[in-house]
């Protein structure tokens, strides 16, 4: 059991492939694991990929996609020398994804992950909060997302509205919610993730936000989304596939505190 962070999004990585469990872990590590946003379980691939990645949210539910977790799993496989070159092929519930180590900044690994194509979700009715109709877009990118446009993400009702939208009739399994604002010359977002709550970054949420901006003609094919945990760059390829670039690093689980905030 190891600790990883991608743009401040913290995960426990468990390698369940034969002979790689790592044995028993300390009480400190078990305590730190309780502070993680989710668990990344690596299993033998079903096809020709390097590994199968199963993503489990904090509440035990399963996620089809997780851009930050995907980069963390890719870093683990690449640094262990289990891949050809600098790229890992990883099976997920949303399909096979490629994660490439593109460099290092101040000693921290930077990776680029393929995230697949986004699709628009048509909502059955407008979404309102405090008597005001919100500007909201639905996006499917492995997981379902709602991108809510706000004036200032710092004062957005992230916990209140994010929690309420988990029971939205269009999303019986829950939904990730990103609160997106243009502030200080940058696109900034806060995210409420299904099965977790507010986190310091949501990789697939950043991709959903970037896709909405591109579709609205408000951003180019490559845009950076600033979140509490760091900056995530989203690019749109010629075939429409989205690519997410950001940091990933291994961290000491024993140093994580179960009392820390989400993220």
C-alpha atoms as a PDB file:
ATOM      1  CA  UNK A   1       0.000   0.000   0.000  1.00  0.00           C
ATOM      2  CA  UNK A   2       1.473   3.320  -1.149  1.00  0.00           C
ATOM      3  CA  UNK A   3       0.402   6.948  -1.102  1.00  0.00           C
ATOM      4  CA  UNK A   4       0.255   9.075  -4.253  1.00  0.00           C
ATOM      5  CA  UNK A   5      -0.843  12.613  -5.024  1.00  0.00           C
ATOM      6  CA  UNK A   6      -1.891  14.121  -8.355  1.00  0.00           C
ATOM      7  CA  UNK A   7      -2.480  17.897  -8.183  1.00  0.00           C
ATOM      8  CA  UNK A   8      -3.233  17.513  -4.493  1.00  0.00           C
ATOM      9  CA  UNK A   9      -5.742  14.691  -5.077  1.00  0.00           C
ATOM     10  CA  UNK A  10      -4.578  11.931  -2.710  1.00  0.00           C
ATOM     11  CA  UNK A  11      -4.856   8.195  -3.305  1.00  0.00           C
ATOM     12  CA  UNK A  12      -3.875   4.916  -1.758  1.00  0.00           C
ATOM     13  CA  UNK A  13      -2.414   2.629  -4.425  1.00  0.00           C
ATOM     14  CA  UNK A  14      -2.717  -1.112  -3.849  1.00  0.00           C
ATOM     15  CA  UNK A  15      -0.939  -3.423  -6.288  1.00  0.00           C
ATOM     16  CA  UNK A  16      -3.014  -6.616  -6.307  1.00  0.00           C
ATOM     17  CA  UNK A  17      -1.021  -8.361  -9.005  1.00  0.00           C
ATOM     18  CA  UNK A  18       0.649 -11.638  -8.018  1.00  0.00           C
ATOM     19  CA  UNK A  19       3.489 -11.206  -5.532  1.00  0.00           C
ATOM     20  CA  UNK A  20       3.241  -7.412  -5.335  1.00  0.00           C
ATOM     21  CA  UNK A  21       0.969  -6.760  -2.372  1.00  0.00           C
ATOM     22  CA  UNK A  22       3.848  -5.417  -0.242  1.00  0.00           C
ATOM     23  CA  UNK A  23       2.787  -7.308   2.863  1.00  0.00           C
ATOM     24  CA  UNK A  24       1.435  -5.844   6.079  1.00  0.00           C
ATOM     25  CA  UNK A  25       1.418  -2.088   6.613  1.00  0.00           C
ATOM     26  CA  UNK A  26       2.032  -0.026   9.731  1.00  0.00           C
ATOM     27  CA  UNK A  27      -0.611   1.587  11.886  1.00  0.00           C
ATOM     28  CA  UNK A  28       0.646   4.983  10.678  1.00  0.00           C
ATOM     29  CA  UNK A  29       0.013   4.029   7.069  1.00  0.00           C
ATOM     30  CA  UNK A  30      -3.458   2.697   7.865  1.00  0.00           C
ATOM     31  CA  UNK A  31      -4.279   5.918   9.664  1.00  0.00           C
ATOM     32  CA  UNK A  32      -2.976   8.007   6.775  1.00  0.00           C
ATOM     33  CA  UNK A  33      -4.963   5.962   4.268  1.00  0.00           C
ATOM     34  CA  UNK A  34      -8.163   7.178   5.915  1.00  0.00           C
ATOM     35  CA  UNK A  35      -7.309  10.685   4.653  1.00  0.00           C
ATOM     36  CA  UNK A  36      -7.167   9.601   1.013  1.00  0.00           C
ATOM     37  CA  UNK A  37      -9.776  10.644  -1.532  1.00  0.00           C
ATOM     38  CA  UNK A  38      -9.847   7.174  -3.016  1.00  0.00           C
ATOM     39  CA  UNK A  39      -8.066   3.902  -3.691  1.00  0.00           C
ATOM     40  CA  UNK A  40      -6.299   2.838  -6.883  1.00  0.00           C
ATOM     41  CA  UNK A  41      -6.265  -0.945  -7.255  1.00  0.00           C
ATOM     42  CA  UNK A  42      -3.924  -2.415  -9.854  1.00  0.00           C
ATOM     43  CA  UNK A  43      -4.805  -5.855 -11.208  1.00  0.00           C
ATOM     44  CA  UNK A  44      -3.598  -8.014 -14.122  1.00  0.00           C
ATOM     45  CA  UNK A  45      -4.812  -6.644 -17.474  1.00  0.00           C
ATOM     46  CA  UNK A  46      -7.582  -8.415 -19.365  1.00  0.00           C
ATOM     47  CA  UNK A  47      -6.106  -7.568 -22.770  1.00  0.00           C
ATOM     48  CA  UNK A  48      -2.732  -6.211 -23.895  1.00  0.00           C
ATOM     49  CA  UNK A  49      -2.331  -3.275 -21.528  1.00  0.00           C
ATOM     50  CA  UNK A  50       0.284  -3.016 -18.772  1.00  0.00           C
ATOM     51  CA  UNK A  51      -2.262  -3.186 -15.936  1.00  0.00           C
ATOM     52  CA  UNK A  52      -5.938  -2.921 -15.067  1.00  0.00           C
ATOM     53  CA  UNK A  53      -6.859   0.036 -12.848  1.00  0.00           C
ATOM     54  CA  UNK A  54      -9.920  -0.107 -10.594  1.00  0.00           C
ATOM     55  CA  UNK A  55     -10.808   3.234  -8.978  1.00  0.00           C
ATOM     56  CA  UNK A  56     -12.681   3.234  -5.677  1.00  0.00           C
ATOM     57  CA  UNK A  57     -14.066   6.422  -4.142  1.00  0.00           C
ATOM     58  CA  UNK A  58     -13.803   7.177  -0.435  1.00  0.00           C
ATOM     59  CA  UNK A  59     -17.349   5.895   0.177  1.00  0.00           C
ATOM     60  CA  UNK A  60     -16.582   2.568  -1.520  1.00  0.00           C
ATOM     61  CA  UNK A  61     -18.338   3.310  -4.814  1.00  0.00           C
ATOM     62  CA  UNK A  62     -16.542   2.634  -8.071  1.00  0.00           C
ATOM     63  CA  UNK A  63     -15.485   5.384 -10.493  1.00  0.00           C
ATOM     64  CA  UNK A  64     -15.096   4.822 -14.227  1.00  0.00           C
ATOM     65  CA  UNK A  65     -12.530   7.597 -14.666  1.00  0.00           C
ATOM     66  CA  UNK A  66     -10.116   9.633 -12.565  1.00  0.00           C
ATOM     67  CA  UNK A  67      -7.549  11.768 -14.356  1.00  0.00           C
ATOM     68  CA  UNK A  68      -5.386  12.459 -11.312  1.00  0.00           C
ATOM     69  CA  UNK A  69      -5.472   8.839 -10.185  1.00  0.00           C
ATOM     70  CA  UNK A  70      -4.664   7.683 -13.713  1.00  0.00           C
ATOM     71  CA  UNK A  71      -1.483   9.771 -13.744  1.00  0.00           C
ATOM     72  CA  UNK A  72      -0.497   8.399 -10.333  1.00  0.00           C
ATOM     73  CA  UNK A  73      -0.953   4.803 -11.498  1.00  0.00           C
ATOM     74  CA  UNK A  74       1.004   5.579 -14.649  1.00  0.00           C
ATOM     75  CA  UNK A  75       3.855   7.054 -12.637  1.00  0.00           C
ATOM     76  CA  UNK A  76       3.997   3.938 -10.452  1.00  0.00           C
ATOM     77  CA  UNK A  77       4.238   1.625 -13.464  1.00  0.00           C
ATOM     78  CA  UNK A  78       6.754   3.797 -15.322  1.00  0.00           C
ATOM     79  CA  UNK A  79       9.091   4.309 -12.373  1.00  0.00           C
ATOM     80  CA  UNK A  80       9.094   0.572 -11.643  1.00  0.00           C
ATOM     81  CA  UNK A  81      10.256  -0.088 -15.212  1.00  0.00           C
ATOM     82  CA  UNK A  82       7.185  -2.147 -16.076  1.00  0.00           C
ATOM     83  CA  UNK A  83       6.445  -0.414 -19.371  1.00  0.00           C
ATOM     84  CA  UNK A  84       8.109   0.090 -22.730  1.00  0.00           C
ATOM     85  CA  UNK A  85       9.679   3.547 -22.839  1.00  0.00           C
ATOM     86  CA  UNK A  86       7.999   6.373 -20.950  1.00  0.00           C
ATOM     87  CA  UNK A  87       4.345   5.474 -21.495  1.00  0.00           C
ATOM     88  CA  UNK A  88       1.990   3.097 -19.678  1.00  0.00           C
ATOM     89  CA  UNK A  89      -1.119   1.502 -21.178  1.00  0.00           C
ATOM     90  CA  UNK A  90      -3.784   1.151 -18.506  1.00  0.00           C
ATOM     91  CA  UNK A  91      -7.206  -0.497 -18.726  1.00  0.00           C
ATOM     92  CA  UNK A  92     -10.015   1.333 -16.910  1.00  0.00           C
ATOM     93  CA  UNK A  93     -13.789   1.020 -16.729  1.00  0.00           C
ATOM     94  CA  UNK A  94     -13.908   3.812 -19.345  1.00  0.00           C
ATOM     95  CA  UNK A  95     -11.561   2.011 -21.746  1.00  0.00           C
ATOM     96  CA  UNK A  96      -7.814   1.723 -22.299  1.00  0.00           C
ATOM     97  CA  UNK A  97      -5.858   4.884 -21.524  1.00  0.00           C
ATOM     98  CA  UNK A  98      -2.230   5.869 -22.159  1.00  0.00           C
ATOM     99  CA  UNK A  99      -0.184   7.795 -19.602  1.00  0.00           C
ATOM    100  CA  UNK A 100       3.120   9.330 -20.683  1.00  0.00           C
ATOM    101  CA  UNK A 101       5.890  10.803 -18.545  1.00  0.00           C
ATOM    102  CA  UNK A 102       6.610  14.097 -20.319  1.00  0.00           C
ATOM    103  CA  UNK A 103       9.147  15.623 -17.933  1.00  0.00           C
ATOM    104  CA  UNK A 104       9.829  16.954 -14.467  1.00  0.00           C
ATOM    105  CA  UNK A 105       9.323  20.363 -12.905  1.00  0.00           C
ATOM    106  CA  UNK A 106      11.352  21.130  -9.774  1.00  0.00           C
ATOM    107  CA  UNK A 107      11.962  17.409  -9.425  1.00  0.00           C
ATOM    108  CA  UNK A 108       8.274  16.460  -9.625  1.00  0.00           C
ATOM    109  CA  UNK A 109       7.032  14.201 -12.417  1.00  0.00           C
ATOM    110  CA  UNK A 110       4.680  15.663 -15.022  1.00  0.00           C
ATOM    111  CA  UNK A 111       2.492  13.212 -16.921  1.00  0.00           C
ATOM    112  CA  UNK A 112       0.035  13.423 -19.821  1.00  0.00           C
ATOM    113  CA  UNK A 113      -2.962  11.086 -19.767  1.00  0.00           C
ATOM    114  CA  UNK A 114      -5.445  10.307 -22.522  1.00  0.00           C
ATOM    115  CA  UNK A 115      -8.968  10.806 -21.175  1.00  0.00           C
ATOM    116  CA  UNK A 116     -11.172   9.805 -24.112  1.00  0.00           C
ATOM    117  CA  UNK A 117     -13.922  11.829 -25.754  1.00  0.00           C
ATOM    118  CA  UNK A 118     -16.532  13.887 -23.927  1.00  0.00           C
ATOM    119  CA  UNK A 119     -20.239  13.809 -24.745  1.00  0.00           C
ATOM    120  CA  UNK A 120     -22.910  16.344 -23.882  1.00  0.00           C
ATOM    121  CA  UNK A 121     -25.664  15.301 -21.467  1.00  0.00           C
ATOM    122  CA  UNK A 122     -29.030  16.934 -22.013  1.00  0.00           C
ATOM    123  CA  UNK A 123     -30.602  17.826 -18.683  1.00  0.00           C
ATOM    124  CA  UNK A 124     -34.290  17.117 -18.121  1.00  0.00           C
ATOM    125  CA  UNK A 125     -34.876  20.496 -16.438  1.00  0.00           C
ATOM    126  CA  UNK A 126     -32.978  23.673 -15.488  1.00  0.00           C
ATOM    127  CA  UNK A 127     -31.042  23.658 -12.216  1.00  0.00           C
ATOM    128  CA  UNK A 128     -31.733  26.389  -9.690  1.00  0.00           C
ATOM    129  CA  UNK A 129     -30.154  27.430  -6.404  1.00  0.00           C
ATOM    130  CA  UNK A 130     -31.402  30.056  -3.952  1.00  0.00           C
ATOM    131  CA  UNK A 131     -34.088  31.045  -6.439  1.00  0.00           C
ATOM    132  CA  UNK A 132     -31.644  31.639  -9.279  1.00  0.00           C
ATOM    133  CA  UNK A 133     -31.429  29.599 -12.476  1.00  0.00           C
ATOM    134  CA  UNK A 134     -27.840  28.446 -12.927  1.00  0.00           C
ATOM    135  CA  UNK A 135     -25.791  28.150 -16.092  1.00  0.00           C
ATOM    136  CA  UNK A 136     -25.034  24.434 -16.077  1.00  0.00           C
ATOM    137  CA  UNK A 137     -23.690  21.985 -18.658  1.00  0.00           C
ATOM    138  CA  UNK A 138     -23.826  18.200 -18.416  1.00  0.00           C
ATOM    139  CA  UNK A 139     -20.825  16.207 -19.667  1.00  0.00           C
ATOM    140  CA  UNK A 140     -20.076  12.477 -19.827  1.00  0.00           C
ATOM    141  CA  UNK A 141     -16.385  11.585 -19.710  1.00  0.00           C
ATOM    142  CA  UNK A 142     -16.306   8.132 -18.177  1.00  0.00           C
ATOM    143  CA  UNK A 143     -18.005   9.696 -15.164  1.00  0.00           C
ATOM    144  CA  UNK A 144     -20.966  12.064 -15.386  1.00  0.00           C
ATOM    145  CA  UNK A 145     -20.196  15.720 -14.707  1.00  0.00           C
ATOM    146  CA  UNK A 146     -22.037  18.979 -14.196  1.00  0.00           C
ATOM    147  CA  UNK A 147     -20.115  22.172 -14.907  1.00  0.00           C
ATOM    148  CA  UNK A 148     -21.667  25.139 -13.071  1.00  0.00           C
ATOM    149  CA  UNK A 149     -20.614  28.620 -14.165  1.00  0.00           C
ATOM    150  CA  UNK A 150     -20.096  31.042 -11.269  1.00  0.00           C
ATOM    151  CA  UNK A 151     -18.694  34.548 -10.822  1.00  0.00           C
ATOM    152  CA  UNK A 152     -16.219  33.522  -8.119  1.00  0.00           C
ATOM    153  CA  UNK A 153     -15.506  29.898  -7.277  1.00  0.00           C
ATOM    154  CA  UNK A 154     -14.179  30.899  -3.845  1.00  0.00           C
ATOM    155  CA  UNK A 155     -17.682  31.737  -2.611  1.00  0.00           C
ATOM    156  CA  UNK A 156     -19.591  29.127  -4.622  1.00  0.00           C
ATOM    157  CA  UNK A 157     -21.939  26.803  -2.645  1.00  0.00           C
ATOM    158  CA  UNK A 158     -19.737  23.803  -3.356  1.00  0.00           C
ATOM    159  CA  UNK A 159     -20.708  21.587  -0.416  1.00  0.00           C
ATOM    160  CA  UNK A 160     -24.378  22.590  -0.306  1.00  0.00           C
ATOM    161  CA  UNK A 161     -25.172  22.401  -4.005  1.00  0.00           C
ATOM    162  CA  UNK A 162     -22.736  19.585  -4.704  1.00  0.00           C
ATOM    163  CA  UNK A 163     -24.445  17.445  -2.062  1.00  0.00           C
ATOM    164  CA  UNK A 164     -27.936  18.301  -3.303  1.00  0.00           C
ATOM    165  CA  UNK A 165     -27.108  17.397  -6.903  1.00  0.00           C
ATOM    166  CA  UNK A 166     -26.138  13.859  -5.865  1.00  0.00           C
ATOM    167  CA  UNK A 167     -29.864  13.106  -5.815  1.00  0.00           C
ATOM    168  CA  UNK A 168     -30.611  14.754  -9.176  1.00  0.00           C
ATOM    169  CA  UNK A 169     -32.986  12.505 -11.155  1.00  0.00           C
ATOM    170  CA  UNK A 170     -30.770  12.641 -14.254  1.00  0.00           C
ATOM    171  CA  UNK A 171     -27.897  11.074 -12.291  1.00  0.00           C
ATOM    172  CA  UNK A 172     -29.158   8.144 -10.183  1.00  0.00           C
ATOM    173  CA  UNK A 173     -25.583   7.035  -9.425  1.00  0.00           C
ATOM    174  CA  UNK A 174     -24.477  10.559  -8.467  1.00  0.00           C
ATOM    175  CA  UNK A 175     -22.477  13.153 -10.368  1.00  0.00           C
ATOM    176  CA  UNK A 176     -19.234  15.119 -10.145  1.00  0.00           C
ATOM    177  CA  UNK A 177     -19.855  18.867  -9.953  1.00  0.00           C
ATOM    178  CA  UNK A 178     -17.330  21.525 -11.005  1.00  0.00           C
ATOM    179  CA  UNK A 179     -17.801  25.219 -10.176  1.00  0.00           C
ATOM    180  CA  UNK A 180     -16.029  27.175 -12.916  1.00  0.00           C
ATOM    181  CA  UNK A 181     -15.115  30.882 -12.913  1.00  0.00           C
ATOM    182  CA  UNK A 182     -13.020  33.293 -14.936  1.00  0.00           C
ATOM    183  CA  UNK A 183     -10.993  35.210 -12.371  1.00  0.00           C
ATOM    184  CA  UNK A 184      -7.660  37.003 -12.438  1.00  0.00           C
ATOM    185  CA  UNK A 185      -7.155  36.197 -16.100  1.00  0.00           C
ATOM    186  CA  UNK A 186      -7.388  32.438 -15.478  1.00  0.00           C
ATOM    187  CA  UNK A 187     -10.044  29.737 -15.516  1.00  0.00           C
ATOM    188  CA  UNK A 188     -10.450  28.463 -11.961  1.00  0.00           C
ATOM    189  CA  UNK A 189     -12.544  25.646 -10.564  1.00  0.00           C
ATOM    190  CA  UNK A 190     -13.551  23.834  -7.409  1.00  0.00           C
ATOM    191  CA  UNK A 191     -14.906  20.319  -7.546  1.00  0.00           C
ATOM    192  CA  UNK A 192     -17.340  18.181  -5.561  1.00  0.00           C
ATOM    193  CA  UNK A 193     -16.768  14.539  -6.420  1.00  0.00           C
ATOM    194  CA  UNK A 194     -19.344  11.787  -6.199  1.00  0.00           C
ATOM    195  CA  UNK A 195     -18.525   9.486  -3.313  1.00  0.00           C
ATOM    196  CA  UNK A 196     -15.888  11.831  -1.894  1.00  0.00           C
ATOM    197  CA  UNK A 197     -17.009  15.445  -1.456  1.00  0.00           C
ATOM    198  CA  UNK A 198     -14.888  18.486  -2.217  1.00  0.00           C
ATOM    199  CA  UNK A 199     -11.342  17.660  -3.280  1.00  0.00           C
ATOM    200  CA  UNK A 200      -8.317  19.796  -4.037  1.00  0.00           C
ATOM    201  CA  UNK A 201      -8.503  18.836  -7.694  1.00  0.00           C
ATOM    202  CA  UNK A 202     -10.601  16.717 -10.038  1.00  0.00           C
ATOM    203  CA  UNK A 203      -8.852  15.697 -13.247  1.00  0.00           C
ATOM    204  CA  UNK A 204     -11.895  14.514 -15.178  1.00  0.00           C
ATOM    205  CA  UNK A 205     -13.730  17.588 -13.864  1.00  0.00           C
ATOM    206  CA  UNK A 206     -11.016  19.839 -15.314  1.00  0.00           C
ATOM    207  CA  UNK A 207     -11.436  18.039 -18.646  1.00  0.00           C
ATOM    208  CA  UNK A 208     -15.221  18.480 -18.522  1.00  0.00           C
ATOM    209  CA  UNK A 209     -14.793  22.200 -17.783  1.00  0.00           C
ATOM    210  CA  UNK A 210     -12.294  22.629 -20.626  1.00  0.00           C
ATOM    211  CA  UNK A 211     -14.610  20.802 -23.040  1.00  0.00           C
ATOM    212  CA  UNK A 212     -17.525  23.066 -22.098  1.00  0.00           C
ATOM    213  CA  UNK A 213     -15.372  26.157 -22.656  1.00  0.00           C
ATOM    214  CA  UNK A 214     -14.185  24.910 -26.036  1.00  0.00           C
ATOM    215  CA  UNK A 215     -17.720  24.033 -27.145  1.00  0.00           C
ATOM    216  CA  UNK A 216     -18.870  27.534 -26.150  1.00  0.00           C
ATOM    217  CA  UNK A 217     -16.008  29.148 -28.077  1.00  0.00           C
ATOM    218  CA  UNK A 218     -14.534  30.620 -24.885  1.00  0.00           C
ATOM    219  CA  UNK A 219     -11.206  28.788 -24.924  1.00  0.00           C
ATOM    220  CA  UNK A 220      -8.732  27.343 -27.437  1.00  0.00           C
ATOM    221  CA  UNK A 221      -8.009  23.659 -27.933  1.00  0.00           C
ATOM    222  CA  UNK A 222      -5.554  23.796 -25.007  1.00  0.00           C
ATOM    223  CA  UNK A 223      -6.541  25.473 -21.738  1.00  0.00           C
ATOM    224  CA  UNK A 224      -5.283  25.442 -18.153  1.00  0.00           C
ATOM    225  CA  UNK A 225      -7.710  24.995 -15.264  1.00  0.00           C
ATOM    226  CA  UNK A 226      -6.444  26.231 -11.892  1.00  0.00           C
ATOM    227  CA  UNK A 227      -7.597  24.292  -8.825  1.00  0.00           C
ATOM    228  CA  UNK A 228      -6.646  24.402  -5.161  1.00  0.00           C
ATOM    229  CA  UNK A 229      -4.152  21.563  -5.634  1.00  0.00           C
ATOM    230  CA  UNK A 230      -2.457  22.893  -8.746  1.00  0.00           C
ATOM    231  CA  UNK A 231      -2.760  23.633 -12.437  1.00  0.00           C
ATOM    232  CA  UNK A 232      -4.132  21.088 -14.903  1.00  0.00           C
ATOM    233  CA  UNK A 233      -3.675  21.535 -18.642  1.00  0.00           C
ATOM    234  CA  UNK A 234      -6.306  20.065 -20.940  1.00  0.00           C
ATOM    235  CA  UNK A 235      -5.735  19.615 -24.674  1.00  0.00           C
ATOM    236  CA  UNK A 236      -8.191  18.536 -27.333  1.00  0.00           C
ATOM    237  CA  UNK A 237      -6.768  16.378 -30.102  1.00  0.00           C
ATOM    238  CA  UNK A 238      -7.808  16.411 -33.741  1.00  0.00           C
ATOM    239  CA  UNK A 239     -10.027  13.372 -33.243  1.00  0.00           C
ATOM    240  CA  UNK A 240     -11.723  14.992 -30.256  1.00  0.00           C
ATOM    241  CA  UNK A 241      -9.909  13.054 -27.527  1.00  0.00           C
ATOM    242  CA  UNK A 242      -8.973  15.017 -24.421  1.00  0.00           C
ATOM    243  CA  UNK A 243      -5.513  14.877 -22.842  1.00  0.00           C
ATOM    244  CA  UNK A 244      -4.802  15.892 -19.254  1.00  0.00           C
ATOM    245  CA  UNK A 245      -1.343  17.040 -18.118  1.00  0.00           C
ATOM    246  CA  UNK A 246      -0.342  17.589 -14.511  1.00  0.00           C
ATOM    247  CA  UNK A 247       1.957  16.518 -11.704  1.00  0.00           C
ATOM    248  CA  UNK A 248       2.031  13.241  -9.806  1.00  0.00           C
ATOM    249  CA  UNK A 249       4.215  12.102  -6.951  1.00  0.00           C
ATOM    250  CA  UNK A 250       4.555   9.367  -4.362  1.00  0.00           C
ATOM    251  CA  UNK A 251       4.055  10.485  -0.762  1.00  0.00           C
ATOM    252  CA  UNK A 252       4.545   8.893   2.636  1.00  0.00           C
ATOM    253  CA  UNK A 253       1.189   7.539   3.796  1.00  0.00           C
ATOM    254  CA  UNK A 254       2.316   7.719   7.418  1.00  0.00           C
ATOM    255  CA  UNK A 255       2.591  11.511   7.084  1.00  0.00           C
ATOM    256  CA  UNK A 256      -1.017  11.925   6.013  1.00  0.00           C
ATOM    257  CA  UNK A 257      -3.410  12.919   8.749  1.00  0.00           C
ATOM    258  CA  UNK A 258      -6.895  11.487   8.940  1.00  0.00           C
ATOM    259  CA  UNK A 259      -8.033  14.862  10.239  1.00  0.00           C
ATOM    260  CA  UNK A 260      -7.003  16.792   7.111  1.00  0.00           C
ATOM    261  CA  UNK A 261      -9.607  18.222   4.751  1.00  0.00           C
ATOM    262  CA  UNK A 262     -10.734  16.524   1.559  1.00  0.00           C
ATOM    263  CA  UNK A 263      -8.349  16.505  -1.325  1.00  0.00           C
END
